[in-house]
Amino acid sequence: MKMSKSIIYTALLCSFSLALSAPAAAAKVEQVFKFYCAQCHGLEGKGDGPNVSKTFPVDPRNFTKAKEMEKLSDADMKNVIMDGGPSASKSPMMPPWSKTISEADADALVKYLRKLCNCKGKGS
């Protein structure tokens, strides 16, 4: 009897944890975006972050421009996130994050960027 109660409690706890994981994942990707991306791309992804000044050498990508974002595949975006701008013949101002963020975080960022542009990418 004691063991069956612990099994029931464990099952309930697991169910509760799964129900909370989606909002937690959404909150985590927002934190990752704010920490790594928003400095240049802005909190809303419009390319107007606090590091961008009149002397900034390039305009950071505006993730809210669906017409431009639709030209990129998810793989294209993940490649630039992980390997930096030069990996796609873009600006070296976009650093590589592969030594800093996980593959899972990069995948989550790609999905987050798709929400910002409200678009699908090339080949989707």
PDB file of N, CA and C in Angstrom:
ATOM      1  N   MET A   1       0.818  -1.192   0.000  1.00  0.00           N
ATOM      2  CA  MET A   1       0.000   0.000   0.000  1.00  0.00           C
ATOM      3  C   MET A   1       0.869   1.266   0.000  1.00  0.00           C
ATOM      4  N   LYS A   2       1.902   1.251   0.845  1.00  0.00           N
ATOM      5  CA  LYS A   2       2.789   2.403   0.929  1.00  0.00           C
ATOM      6  C   LYS A   2       3.498   2.641  -0.407  1.00  0.00           C
ATOM      7  N   MET A   3       3.914   1.550  -1.065  1.00  0.00           N
ATOM      8  CA  MET A   3       4.605   1.676  -2.344  1.00  0.00           C
ATOM      9  C   MET A   3       3.663   2.196  -3.425  1.00  0.00           C
ATOM     10  N   SER A   4       2.409   1.762  -3.438  1.00  0.00           N
ATOM     11  CA  SER A   4       1.481   2.222  -4.466  1.00  0.00           C
ATOM     12  C   SER A   4       1.169   3.709  -4.302  1.00  0.00           C
ATOM     13  N   LYS A   5       1.147   4.203  -3.056  1.00  0.00           N
ATOM     14  CA  LYS A   5       0.933   5.635  -2.830  1.00  0.00           C
ATOM     15  C   LYS A   5       2.117   6.433  -3.377  1.00  0.00           C
ATOM     16  N   SER A   6       3.313   5.945  -3.155  1.00  0.00           N
ATOM     17  CA  SER A   6       4.485   6.667  -3.658  1.00  0.00           C
ATOM     18  C   SER A   6       4.521   6.647  -5.188  1.00  0.00           C
ATOM     19  N   ILE A   7       4.063   5.571  -5.794  1.00  0.00           N
ATOM     20  CA  ILE A   7       3.998   5.515  -7.257  1.00  0.00           C
ATOM     21  C   ILE A   7       2.984   6.525  -7.769  1.00  0.00           C
ATOM     22  N   ILE A   8       1.858   6.620  -7.113  1.00  0.00           N
ATOM     23  CA  ILE A   8       0.816   7.584  -7.518  1.00  0.00           C
ATOM     24  C   ILE A   8       1.338   9.014  -7.359  1.00  0.00           C
ATOM     25  N   TYR A   9       1.987   9.305  -6.242  1.00  0.00           N
ATOM     26  CA  TYR A   9       2.541  10.642  -6.032  1.00  0.00           C
ATOM     27  C   TYR A   9       3.607  10.977  -7.070  1.00  0.00           C
ATOM     28  N   THR A  10       4.436  10.005  -7.382  1.00  0.00           N
ATOM     29  CA  THR A  10       5.474  10.210  -8.396  1.00  0.00           C
ATOM     30  C   THR A  10       4.849  10.487  -9.761  1.00  0.00           C
ATOM     31  N   ALA A  11       3.819   9.730 -10.114  1.00  0.00           N
ATOM     32  CA  ALA A  11       3.137   9.940 -11.396  1.00  0.00           C
ATOM     33  C   ALA A  11       2.490  11.316 -11.451  1.00  0.00           C
ATOM     34  N   LEU A  12       1.866  11.737 -10.360  1.00  0.00           N
ATOM     35  CA  LEU A  12       1.253  13.068 -10.317  1.00  0.00           C
ATOM     36  C   LEU A  12       2.305  14.162 -10.432  1.00  0.00           C
ATOM     37  N   LEU A  13       3.417  13.989  -9.753  1.00  0.00           N
ATOM     38  CA  LEU A  13       4.495  14.965  -9.820  1.00  0.00           C
ATOM     39  C   LEU A  13       5.051  15.076 -11.237  1.00  0.00           C
ATOM     40  N   CYS A  14       5.235  13.942 -11.901  1.00  0.00           N
ATOM     41  CA  CYS A  14       5.730  13.942 -13.284  1.00  0.00           C
ATOM     42  C   CYS A  14       4.745  14.648 -14.208  1.00  0.00           C
ATOM     43  N   SER A  15       3.474  14.375 -14.034  1.00  0.00           N
ATOM     44  CA  SER A  15       2.443  15.019 -14.864  1.00  0.00           C
ATOM     45  C   SER A  15       2.453  16.523 -14.663  1.00  0.00           C
ATOM     46  N   PHE A  16       2.565  16.942 -13.410  1.00  0.00           N
ATOM     47  CA  PHE A  16       2.598  18.357 -13.089  1.00  0.00           C
ATOM     48  C   PHE A  16       3.829  19.018 -13.695  1.00  0.00           C
ATOM     49  N   SER A  17       4.971  18.344 -13.610  1.00  0.00           N
ATOM     50  CA  SER A  17       6.210  18.880 -14.174  1.00  0.00           C
ATOM     51  C   SER A  17       6.113  19.042 -15.684  1.00  0.00           C
ATOM     52  N   LEU A  18       5.525  18.076 -16.365  1.00  0.00           N
ATOM     53  CA  LEU A  18       5.354  18.171 -17.816  1.00  0.00           C
ATOM     54  C   LEU A  18       4.436  19.326 -18.183  1.00  0.00           C
ATOM     55  N   ALA A  19       3.404  19.544 -17.407  1.00  0.00           N
ATOM     56  CA  ALA A  19       2.472  20.639 -17.692  1.00  0.00           C
ATOM     57  C   ALA A  19       3.156  21.994 -17.565  1.00  0.00           C
ATOM     58  N   LEU A  20       4.130  22.093 -16.698  1.00  0.00           N
ATOM     59  CA  LEU A  20       4.838  23.362 -16.495  1.00  0.00           C
ATOM     60  C   LEU A  20       6.019  23.554 -17.429  1.00  0.00           C
ATOM     61  N   SER A  21       6.461  22.511 -18.127  1.00  0.00           N
ATOM     62  CA  SER A  21       7.693  22.603 -18.909  1.00  0.00           C
ATOM     63  C   SER A  21       7.575  23.505 -20.128  1.00  0.00           C
ATOM     64  N   ALA A  22       6.446  23.569 -20.800  1.00  0.00           N
ATOM     65  CA  ALA A  22       6.308  24.418 -21.988  1.00  0.00           C
ATOM     66  C   ALA A  22       6.475  25.897 -21.635  1.00  0.00           C
ATOM     67  N   PRO A  23       5.769  26.415 -20.622  1.00  0.00           N
ATOM     68  CA  PRO A  23       6.002  27.811 -20.261  1.00  0.00           C
ATOM     69  C   PRO A  23       7.428  28.060 -19.791  1.00  0.00           C
ATOM     70  N   ALA A  24       8.017  27.097 -19.105  1.00  0.00           N
ATOM     71  CA  ALA A  24       9.396  27.258 -18.645  1.00  0.00           C
ATOM     72  C   ALA A  24      10.343  27.339 -19.829  1.00  0.00           C
ATOM     73  N   ALA A  25      10.115  26.519 -20.847  1.00  0.00           N
ATOM     74  CA  ALA A  25      10.961  26.548 -22.040  1.00  0.00           C
ATOM     75  C   ALA A  25      10.824  27.890 -22.753  1.00  0.00           C
ATOM     76  N   ALA A  26       9.596  28.410 -22.836  1.00  0.00           N
ATOM     77  CA  ALA A  26       9.372  29.708 -23.477  1.00  0.00           C
ATOM     78  C   ALA A  26      10.094  30.812 -22.703  1.00  0.00           C
ATOM     79  N   ALA A  27      10.023  30.752 -21.396  1.00  0.00           N
ATOM     80  CA  ALA A  27      10.715  31.750 -20.572  1.00  0.00           C
ATOM     81  C   ALA A  27      12.220  31.641 -20.742  1.00  0.00           C
ATOM     82  N   LYS A  28      12.729  30.416 -20.854  1.00  0.00           N
ATOM     83  CA  LYS A  28      14.177  30.222 -20.999  1.00  0.00           C
ATOM     84  C   LYS A  28      14.675  30.805 -22.317  1.00  0.00           C
ATOM     85  N   VAL A  29      13.970  30.551 -23.419  1.00  0.00           N
ATOM     86  CA  VAL A  29      14.441  31.066 -24.703  1.00  0.00           C
ATOM     87  C   VAL A  29      14.385  32.597 -24.719  1.00  0.00           C
ATOM     88  N   GLU A  30      13.407  33.180 -24.051  1.00  0.00           N
ATOM     89  CA  GLU A  30      13.368  34.645 -23.956  1.00  0.00           C
ATOM     90  C   GLU A  30      14.576  35.160 -23.181  1.00  0.00           C
ATOM     91  N   GLN A  31      14.955  34.460 -22.111  1.00  0.00           N
ATOM     92  CA  GLN A  31      16.141  34.855 -21.339  1.00  0.00           C
ATOM     93  C   GLN A  31      17.402  34.741 -22.189  1.00  0.00           C
ATOM     94  N   VAL A  32      17.508  33.664 -22.952  1.00  0.00           N
ATOM     95  CA  VAL A  32      18.670  33.475 -23.830  1.00  0.00           C
ATOM     96  C   VAL A  32      18.712  34.602 -24.857  1.00  0.00           C
ATOM     97  N   PHE A  33      17.575  34.919 -25.464  1.00  0.00           N
ATOM     98  CA  PHE A  33      17.521  35.995 -26.450  1.00  0.00           C
ATOM     99  C   PHE A  33      17.926  37.323 -25.816  1.00  0.00           C
ATOM    100  N   LYS A  34      17.367  37.629 -24.663  1.00  0.00           N
ATOM    101  CA  LYS A  34      17.674  38.900 -24.001  1.00  0.00           C
ATOM    102  C   LYS A  34      19.160  38.999 -23.648  1.00  0.00           C
ATOM    103  N   PHE A  35      19.751  37.896 -23.203  1.00  0.00           N
ATOM    104  CA  PHE A  35      21.148  37.928 -22.784  1.00  0.00           C
ATOM    105  C   PHE A  35      22.110  37.998 -23.967  1.00  0.00           C
ATOM    106  N   TYR A  36      21.883  37.165 -24.978  1.00  0.00           N
ATOM    107  CA  TYR A  36      22.853  37.059 -26.077  1.00  0.00           C
ATOM    108  C   TYR A  36      22.518  37.912 -27.300  1.00  0.00           C
ATOM    109  N   CYS A  37      21.265  38.145 -27.570  1.00  0.00           N
ATOM    110  CA  CYS A  37      20.868  38.747 -28.847  1.00  0.00           C
ATOM    111  C   CYS A  37      20.402  40.195 -28.747  1.00  0.00           C
ATOM    112  N   ALA A  38      19.698  40.516 -27.660  1.00  0.00           N
ATOM    113  CA  ALA A  38      19.044  41.818 -27.555  1.00  0.00           C
ATOM    114  C   ALA A  38      20.014  42.989 -27.509  1.00  0.00           C
ATOM    115  N   GLN A  39      21.269  42.747 -27.145  1.00  0.00           N
ATOM    116  CA  GLN A  39      22.226  43.854 -27.093  1.00  0.00           C
ATOM    117  C   GLN A  39      22.378  44.533 -28.456  1.00  0.00           C
ATOM    118  N   CYS A  40      22.277  43.748 -29.516  1.00  0.00           N
ATOM    119  CA  CYS A  40      22.366  44.307 -30.868  1.00  0.00           C
ATOM    120  C   CYS A  40      21.003  44.306 -31.579  1.00  0.00           C
ATOM    121  N   HIS A  41      20.255  43.225 -31.405  1.00  0.00           N
ATOM    122  CA  HIS A  41      19.004  43.081 -32.144  1.00  0.00           C
ATOM    123  C   HIS A  41      17.811  43.714 -31.443  1.00  0.00           C
ATOM    124  N   GLY A  42      17.964  44.154 -30.211  1.00  0.00           N
ATOM    125  CA  GLY A  42      16.879  44.797 -29.465  1.00  0.00           C
ATOM    126  C   GLY A  42      15.952  43.790 -28.814  1.00  0.00           C
ATOM    127  N   LEU A  43      15.248  44.231 -27.783  1.00  0.00           N
ATOM    128  CA  LEU A  43      14.350  43.350 -27.042  1.00  0.00           C
ATOM    129  C   LEU A  43      13.232  42.793 -27.905  1.00  0.00           C
ATOM    130  N   GLU A  44      12.812  43.553 -28.906  1.00  0.00           N
ATOM    131  CA  GLU A  44      11.740  43.106 -29.794  1.00  0.00           C
ATOM    132  C   GLU A  44      12.276  42.555 -31.104  1.00  0.00           C
ATOM    133  N   GLY A  45      13.600  42.475 -31.240  1.00  0.00           N
ATOM    134  CA  GLY A  45      14.220  41.905 -32.428  1.00  0.00           C
ATOM    135  C   GLY A  45      14.237  42.818 -33.639  1.00  0.00           C
ATOM    136  N   LYS A  46      14.137  44.120 -33.426  1.00  0.00           N
ATOM    137  CA  LYS A  46      14.051  45.069 -34.543  1.00  0.00           C
ATOM    138  C   LYS A  46      15.401  45.622 -34.989  1.00  0.00           C
ATOM    139  N   GLY A  47      16.490  45.101 -34.419  1.00  0.00           N
ATOM    140  CA  GLY A  47      17.819  45.563 -34.820  1.00  0.00           C
ATOM    141  C   GLY A  47      18.211  46.878 -34.178  1.00  0.00           C
ATOM    142  N   ASP A  48      17.586  47.203 -33.062  1.00  0.00           N
ATOM    143  CA  ASP A  48      17.805  48.494 -32.415  1.00  0.00           C
ATOM    144  C   ASP A  48      18.271  48.360 -30.968  1.00  0.00           C
ATOM    145  N   GLY A  49      19.165  47.414 -30.732  1.00  0.00           N
ATOM    146  CA  GLY A  49      19.645  47.167 -29.375  1.00  0.00           C
ATOM    147  C   GLY A  49      20.523  48.290 -28.853  1.00  0.00           C
ATOM    148  N   PRO A  50      20.785  48.304 -27.553  1.00  0.00           N
ATOM    149  CA  PRO A  50      21.561  49.389 -26.948  1.00  0.00           C
ATOM    150  C   PRO A  50      23.009  49.470 -27.423  1.00  0.00           C
ATOM    151  N   ASN A  51      23.570  48.409 -27.973  1.00  0.00           N
ATOM    152  CA  ASN A  51      24.939  48.462 -28.487  1.00  0.00           C
ATOM    153  C   ASN A  51      25.024  49.148 -29.850  1.00  0.00           C
ATOM    154  N   VAL A  52      23.891  49.325 -30.505  1.00  0.00           N
ATOM    155  CA  VAL A  52      23.884  49.881 -31.859  1.00  0.00           C
ATOM    156  C   VAL A  52      23.870  51.410 -31.779  1.00  0.00           C
ATOM    157  N   SER A  53      24.888  52.009 -32.395  1.00  0.00           N
ATOM    158  CA  SER A  53      24.996  53.467 -32.433  1.00  0.00           C
ATOM    159  C   SER A  53      25.151  53.890 -33.891  1.00  0.00           C
ATOM    160  N   LYS A  54      25.247  55.179 -34.103  1.00  0.00           N
ATOM    161  CA  LYS A  54      25.430  55.687 -35.468  1.00  0.00           C
ATOM    162  C   LYS A  54      26.749  55.227 -36.070  1.00  0.00           C
ATOM    163  N   THR A  55      27.697  54.887 -35.228  1.00  0.00           N
ATOM    164  CA  THR A  55      28.998  54.439 -35.725  1.00  0.00           C
ATOM    165  C   THR A  55      29.110  52.914 -35.789  1.00  0.00           C
ATOM    166  N   PHE A  56      28.039  52.218 -35.456  1.00  0.00           N
ATOM    167  CA  PHE A  56      28.047  50.752 -35.532  1.00  0.00           C
ATOM    168  C   PHE A  56      28.265  50.369 -36.991  1.00  0.00           C
ATOM    169  N   PRO A  57      29.177  49.470 -37.281  1.00  0.00           N
ATOM    170  CA  PRO A  57      29.565  49.205 -38.673  1.00  0.00           C
ATOM    171  C   PRO A  57      28.495  48.559 -39.563  1.00  0.00           C
ATOM    172  N   VAL A  58      27.508  47.901 -38.967  1.00  0.00           N
ATOM    173  CA  VAL A  58      26.440  47.258 -39.759  1.00  0.00           C
ATOM    174  C   VAL A  58      25.108  47.452 -39.041  1.00  0.00           C
ATOM    175  N   ASP A  59      24.031  47.276 -39.775  1.00  0.00           N
ATOM    176  CA  ASP A  59      22.710  47.268 -39.161  1.00  0.00           C
ATOM    177  C   ASP A  59      22.375  45.831 -38.784  1.00  0.00           C
ATOM    178  N   PRO A  60      22.171  45.558 -37.493  1.00  0.00           N
ATOM    179  CA  PRO A  60      21.782  44.198 -37.115  1.00  0.00           C
ATOM    180  C   PRO A  60      20.456  43.823 -37.779  1.00  0.00           C
ATOM    181  N   ARG A  61      20.308  42.547 -38.070  1.00  0.00           N
ATOM    182  CA  ARG A  61      19.093  42.072 -38.730  1.00  0.00           C
ATOM    183  C   ARG A  61      17.865  42.403 -37.897  1.00  0.00           C
ATOM    184  N   ASN A  62      16.829  42.871 -38.578  1.00  0.00           N
ATOM    185  CA  ASN A  62      15.533  43.116 -37.969  1.00  0.00           C
ATOM    186  C   ASN A  62      14.719  41.839 -38.146  1.00  0.00           C
ATOM    187  N   PHE A  63      14.524  41.109 -37.052  1.00  0.00           N
ATOM    188  CA  PHE A  63      13.836  39.820 -37.106  1.00  0.00           C
ATOM    189  C   PHE A  63      12.334  39.956 -37.330  1.00  0.00           C
ATOM    190  N   THR A  64      11.812  41.157 -37.262  1.00  0.00           N
ATOM    191  CA  THR A  64      10.367  41.333 -37.440  1.00  0.00           C
ATOM    192  C   THR A  64       9.983  41.538 -38.909  1.00  0.00           C
ATOM    193  N   LYS A  65      10.961  41.659 -39.795  1.00  0.00           N
ATOM    194  CA  LYS A  65      10.679  41.846 -41.226  1.00  0.00           C
ATOM    195  C   LYS A  65      10.505  40.489 -41.902  1.00  0.00           C
ATOM    196  N   ALA A  66       9.250  40.072 -42.011  1.00  0.00           N
ATOM    197  CA  ALA A  66       8.929  38.740 -42.533  1.00  0.00           C
ATOM    198  C   ALA A  66       9.486  38.517 -43.936  1.00  0.00           C
ATOM    199  N   LYS A  67       9.415  39.530 -44.783  1.00  0.00           N
ATOM    200  CA  LYS A  67       9.880  39.377 -46.166  1.00  0.00           C
ATOM    201  C   LYS A  67      11.357  38.982 -46.218  1.00  0.00           C
ATOM    202  N   GLU A  68      12.164  39.541 -45.343  1.00  0.00           N
ATOM    203  CA  GLU A  68      13.588  39.216 -45.289  1.00  0.00           C
ATOM    204  C   GLU A  68      13.831  37.880 -44.587  1.00  0.00           C
ATOM    205  N   MET A  69      13.102  37.650 -43.513  1.00  0.00           N
ATOM    206  CA  MET A  69      13.301  36.419 -42.733  1.00  0.00           C
ATOM    207  C   MET A  69      12.842  35.178 -43.487  1.00  0.00           C
ATOM    208  N   GLU A  70      11.861  35.324 -44.361  1.00  0.00           N
ATOM    209  CA  GLU A  70      11.384  34.187 -45.150  1.00  0.00           C
ATOM    210  C   GLU A  70      12.437  33.676 -46.119  1.00  0.00           C
ATOM    211  N   LYS A  71      13.418  34.489 -46.444  1.00  0.00           N
ATOM    212  CA  LYS A  71      14.496  34.088 -47.344  1.00  0.00           C
ATOM    213  C   LYS A  71      15.468  33.119 -46.679  1.00  0.00           C
ATOM    214  N   LEU A  72      15.420  33.040 -45.353  1.00  0.00           N
ATOM    215  CA  LEU A  72      16.351  32.214 -44.593  1.00  0.00           C
ATOM    216  C   LEU A  72      15.697  30.911 -44.165  1.00  0.00           C
ATOM    217  N   SER A  73      16.426  29.832 -44.297  1.00  0.00           N
ATOM    218  CA  SER A  73      15.943  28.562 -43.744  1.00  0.00           C
ATOM    219  C   SER A  73      16.279  28.538 -42.258  1.00  0.00           C
ATOM    220  N   ASP A  74      15.652  27.626 -41.545  1.00  0.00           N
ATOM    221  CA  ASP A  74      15.984  27.460 -40.124  1.00  0.00           C
ATOM    222  C   ASP A  74      17.455  27.069 -39.970  1.00  0.00           C
ATOM    223  N   ALA A  75      17.939  26.234 -40.877  1.00  0.00           N
ATOM    224  CA  ALA A  75      19.350  25.823 -40.840  1.00  0.00           C
ATOM    225  C   ALA A  75      20.277  27.016 -41.057  1.00  0.00           C
ATOM    226  N   ASP A  76      19.892  27.937 -41.952  1.00  0.00           N
ATOM    227  CA  ASP A  76      20.683  29.150 -42.181  1.00  0.00           C
ATOM    228  C   ASP A  76      20.825  29.945 -40.882  1.00  0.00           C
ATOM    229  N   MET A  77      19.691  30.122 -40.208  1.00  0.00           N
ATOM    230  CA  MET A  77      19.704  30.911 -38.971  1.00  0.00           C
ATOM    231  C   MET A  77      20.517  30.220 -37.883  1.00  0.00           C
ATOM    232  N   LYS A  78      20.333  28.928 -37.739  1.00  0.00           N
ATOM    233  CA  LYS A  78      21.079  28.203 -36.711  1.00  0.00           C
ATOM    234  C   LYS A  78      22.577  28.261 -37.000  1.00  0.00           C
ATOM    235  N   ASN A  79      22.951  28.158 -38.262  1.00  0.00           N
ATOM    236  CA  ASN A  79      24.347  28.238 -38.652  1.00  0.00           C
ATOM    237  C   ASN A  79      24.964  29.567 -38.217  1.00  0.00           C
ATOM    238  N   VAL A  80      24.260  30.664 -38.436  1.00  0.00           N
ATOM    239  CA  VAL A  80      24.791  31.973 -38.053  1.00  0.00           C
ATOM    240  C   VAL A  80      24.820  32.112 -36.534  1.00  0.00           C
ATOM    241  N   ILE A  81      23.801  31.607 -35.855  1.00  0.00           N
ATOM    242  CA  ILE A  81      23.798  31.656 -34.389  1.00  0.00           C
ATOM    243  C   ILE A  81      25.011  30.907 -33.840  1.00  0.00           C
ATOM    244  N   MET A  82      25.236  29.722 -34.339  1.00  0.00           N
ATOM    245  CA  MET A  82      26.304  28.884 -33.791  1.00  0.00           C
ATOM    246  C   MET A  82      27.692  29.272 -34.292  1.00  0.00           C
ATOM    247  N   ASP A  83      27.815  29.651 -35.572  1.00  0.00           N
ATOM    248  CA  ASP A  83      29.134  29.866 -36.165  1.00  0.00           C
ATOM    249  C   ASP A  83      29.452  31.319 -36.507  1.00  0.00           C
ATOM    250  N   GLY A  84      28.514  32.230 -36.268  1.00  0.00           N
ATOM    251  CA  GLY A  84      28.767  33.650 -36.481  1.00  0.00           C
ATOM    252  C   GLY A  84      28.496  34.117 -37.902  1.00  0.00           C
ATOM    253  N   GLY A  85      28.488  35.414 -38.065  1.00  0.00           N
ATOM    254  CA  GLY A  85      28.185  36.037 -39.351  1.00  0.00           C
ATOM    255  C   GLY A  85      29.089  35.612 -40.498  1.00  0.00           C
ATOM    256  N   PRO A  86      30.406  35.542 -40.288  1.00  0.00           N
ATOM    257  CA  PRO A  86      31.288  35.162 -41.391  1.00  0.00           C
ATOM    258  C   PRO A  86      30.987  33.787 -41.988  1.00  0.00           C
ATOM    259  N   SER A  87      30.366  32.916 -41.221  1.00  0.00           N
ATOM    260  CA  SER A  87      30.044  31.579 -41.739  1.00  0.00           C
ATOM    261  C   SER A  87      29.022  31.636 -42.869  1.00  0.00           C
ATOM    262  N   ALA A  88      28.307  32.759 -42.954  1.00  0.00           N
ATOM    263  CA  ALA A  88      27.306  32.942 -44.013  1.00  0.00           C
ATOM    264  C   ALA A  88      27.639  34.172 -44.851  1.00  0.00           C
ATOM    265  N   SER A  89      28.916  34.522 -44.892  1.00  0.00           N
ATOM    266  CA  SER A  89      29.385  35.708 -45.613  1.00  0.00           C
ATOM    267  C   SER A  89      28.688  36.979 -45.129  1.00  0.00           C
ATOM    268  N   LYS A  90      28.460  37.029 -43.816  1.00  0.00           N
ATOM    269  CA  LYS A  90      27.863  38.207 -43.191  1.00  0.00           C
ATOM    270  C   LYS A  90      28.894  38.834 -42.258  1.00  0.00           C
ATOM    271  N   SER A  91      28.490  39.864 -41.567  1.00  0.00           N
ATOM    272  CA  SER A  91      29.390  40.646 -40.733  1.00  0.00           C
ATOM    273  C   SER A  91      30.022  39.858 -39.584  1.00  0.00           C
ATOM    274  N   PRO A  92      31.311  40.121 -39.330  1.00  0.00           N
ATOM    275  CA  PRO A  92      31.959  39.525 -38.164  1.00  0.00           C
ATOM    276  C   PRO A  92      31.450  40.126 -36.850  1.00  0.00           C
ATOM    277  N   MET A  93      30.621  41.143 -36.935  1.00  0.00           N
ATOM    278  CA  MET A  93      30.018  41.714 -35.727  1.00  0.00           C
ATOM    279  C   MET A  93      29.065  40.710 -35.080  1.00  0.00           C
ATOM    280  N   MET A  94      28.563  39.749 -35.874  1.00  0.00           N
ATOM    281  CA  MET A  94      27.722  38.686 -35.331  1.00  0.00           C
ATOM    282  C   MET A  94      28.665  37.577 -34.884  1.00  0.00           C
ATOM    283  N   PRO A  95      28.829  37.425 -33.551  1.00  0.00           N
ATOM    284  CA  PRO A  95      29.794  36.439 -33.049  1.00  0.00           C
ATOM    285  C   PRO A  95      29.252  35.015 -33.104  1.00  0.00           C
ATOM    286  N   PRO A  96      30.134  34.042 -33.083  1.00  0.00           N
ATOM    287  CA  PRO A  96      29.691  32.650 -32.969  1.00  0.00           C
ATOM    288  C   PRO A  96      29.362  32.346 -31.508  1.00  0.00           C
ATOM    289  N   TRP A  97      28.259  31.643 -31.296  1.00  0.00           N
ATOM    290  CA  TRP A  97      27.848  31.313 -29.936  1.00  0.00           C
ATOM    291  C   TRP A  97      27.979  29.818 -29.629  1.00  0.00           C
ATOM    292  N   SER A  98      28.564  29.039 -30.524  1.00  0.00           N
ATOM    293  CA  SER A  98      28.611  27.579 -30.341  1.00  0.00           C
ATOM    294  C   SER A  98      29.358  27.145 -29.079  1.00  0.00           C
ATOM    295  N   LYS A  99      30.278  27.948 -28.606  1.00  0.00           N
ATOM    296  CA  LYS A  99      31.014  27.590 -27.391  1.00  0.00           C
ATOM    297  C   LYS A  99      30.277  28.074 -26.141  1.00  0.00           C
ATOM    298  N   THR A 100      29.183  28.818 -26.351  1.00  0.00           N
ATOM    299  CA  THR A 100      28.475  29.445 -25.242  1.00  0.00           C
ATOM    300  C   THR A 100      27.075  28.893 -25.021  1.00  0.00           C
ATOM    301  N   ILE A 101      26.357  28.649 -26.103  1.00  0.00           N
ATOM    302  CA  ILE A 101      24.990  28.135 -25.956  1.00  0.00           C
ATOM    303  C   ILE A 101      24.889  26.719 -26.527  1.00  0.00           C
ATOM    304  N   SER A 102      23.899  26.006 -26.085  1.00  0.00           N
ATOM    305  CA  SER A 102      23.712  24.621 -26.521  1.00  0.00           C
ATOM    306  C   SER A 102      22.981  24.556 -27.864  1.00  0.00           C
ATOM    307  N   GLU A 103      23.056  23.412 -28.498  1.00  0.00           N
ATOM    308  CA  GLU A 103      22.300  23.169 -29.744  1.00  0.00           C
ATOM    309  C   GLU A 103      20.812  23.366 -29.483  1.00  0.00           C
ATOM    310  N   ALA A 104      20.343  22.879 -28.335  1.00  0.00           N
ATOM    311  CA  ALA A 104      18.923  23.011 -27.988  1.00  0.00           C
ATOM    312  C   ALA A 104      18.526  24.476 -27.855  1.00  0.00           C
ATOM    313  N   ASP A 105      19.392  25.292 -27.253  1.00  0.00           N
ATOM    314  CA  ASP A 105      19.098  26.722 -27.148  1.00  0.00           C
ATOM    315  C   ASP A 105      19.085  27.374 -28.528  1.00  0.00           C
ATOM    316  N   ALA A 106      19.993  26.976 -29.397  1.00  0.00           N
ATOM    317  CA  ALA A 106      20.010  27.524 -30.764  1.00  0.00           C
ATOM    318  C   ALA A 106      18.729  27.147 -31.500  1.00  0.00           C
ATOM    319  N   ASP A 107      18.285  25.910 -31.366  1.00  0.00           N
ATOM    320  CA  ASP A 107      17.026  25.488 -31.992  1.00  0.00           C
ATOM    321  C   ASP A 107      15.852  26.293 -31.444  1.00  0.00           C
ATOM    322  N   ALA A 108      15.853  26.512 -30.132  1.00  0.00           N
ATOM    323  CA  ALA A 108      14.784  27.298 -29.512  1.00  0.00           C
ATOM    324  C   ALA A 108      14.827  28.745 -29.998  1.00  0.00           C
ATOM    325  N   LEU A 109      16.026  29.292 -30.161  1.00  0.00           N
ATOM    326  CA  LEU A 109      16.149  30.659 -30.679  1.00  0.00           C
ATOM    327  C   LEU A 109      15.590  30.768 -32.095  1.00  0.00           C
ATOM    328  N   VAL A 110      15.848  29.789 -32.928  1.00  0.00           N
ATOM    329  CA  VAL A 110      15.317  29.807 -34.297  1.00  0.00           C
ATOM    330  C   VAL A 110      13.792  29.857 -34.247  1.00  0.00           C
ATOM    331  N   LYS A 111      13.185  29.038 -33.414  1.00  0.00           N
ATOM    332  CA  LYS A 111      11.724  29.051 -33.275  1.00  0.00           C
ATOM    333  C   LYS A 111      11.239  30.399 -32.751  1.00  0.00           C
ATOM    334  N   TYR A 112      11.973  30.965 -31.813  1.00  0.00           N
ATOM    335  CA  TYR A 112      11.632  32.273 -31.250  1.00  0.00           C
ATOM    336  C   TYR A 112      11.694  33.351 -32.336  1.00  0.00           C
ATOM    337  N   LEU A 113      12.729  33.296 -33.177  1.00  0.00           N
ATOM    338  CA  LEU A 113      12.857  34.271 -34.260  1.00  0.00           C
ATOM    339  C   LEU A 113      11.713  34.128 -35.261  1.00  0.00           C
ATOM    340  N   ARG A 114      11.266  32.907 -35.492  1.00  0.00           N
ATOM    341  CA  ARG A 114      10.122  32.684 -36.384  1.00  0.00           C
ATOM    342  C   ARG A 114       8.852  33.312 -35.806  1.00  0.00           C
ATOM    343  N   LYS A 115       8.742  33.321 -34.504  1.00  0.00           N
ATOM    344  CA  LYS A 115       7.591  33.993 -33.882  1.00  0.00           C
ATOM    345  C   LYS A 115       7.702  35.502 -34.037  1.00  0.00           C
ATOM    346  N   LEU A 116       8.920  36.023 -33.923  1.00  0.00           N
ATOM    347  CA  LEU A 116       9.110  37.468 -34.067  1.00  0.00           C
ATOM    348  C   LEU A 116       8.736  37.941 -35.475  1.00  0.00           C
ATOM    349  N   CYS A 117       9.073  37.141 -36.485  1.00  0.00           N
ATOM    350  CA  CYS A 117       8.770  37.547 -37.861  1.00  0.00           C
ATOM    351  C   CYS A 117       7.393  37.061 -38.308  1.00  0.00           C
ATOM    352  N   ASN A 118       6.814  36.149 -37.528  1.00  0.00           N
ATOM    353  CA  ASN A 118       5.529  35.563 -37.892  1.00  0.00           C
ATOM    354  C   ASN A 118       5.603  35.028 -39.318  1.00  0.00           C
ATOM    355  N   CYS A 119       6.647  34.235 -39.557  1.00  0.00           N
ATOM    356  CA  CYS A 119       6.871  33.710 -40.903  1.00  0.00           C
ATOM    357  C   CYS A 119       7.520  32.333 -40.848  1.00  0.00           C
ATOM    358  N   LYS A 120       7.487  31.679 -41.977  1.00  0.00           N
ATOM    359  CA  LYS A 120       8.211  30.419 -42.150  1.00  0.00           C
ATOM    360  C   LYS A 120       9.420  30.714 -43.001  1.00  0.00           C
ATOM    361  N   GLY A 121      10.394  29.872 -42.895  1.00  0.00           N
ATOM    362  CA  GLY A 121      11.609  30.083 -43.658  1.00  0.00           C
ATOM    363  C   GLY A 121      11.631  29.370 -44.979  1.00  0.00           C
ATOM    364  N   LYS A 122      12.653  29.641 -45.732  1.00  0.00           N
ATOM    365  CA  LYS A 122      12.898  28.979 -47.007  1.00  0.00           C
ATOM    366  C   LYS A 122      12.942  27.470 -46.788  1.00  0.00           C
ATOM    367  N   GLY A 123      12.192  26.740 -47.580  1.00  0.00           N
ATOM    368  CA  GLY A 123      12.183  25.290 -47.482  1.00  0.00           C
ATOM    369  C   GLY A 123      11.284  24.735 -46.397  1.00  0.00           C
ATOM    370  N   SER A 124      10.536  25.600 -45.718  1.00  0.00           N
ATOM    371  CA  SER A 124       9.651  25.111 -44.646  1.00  0.00           C
ATOM    372  C   SER A 124       8.277  24.756 -45.170  1.00  0.00           C
TER     373      SER A 124
END
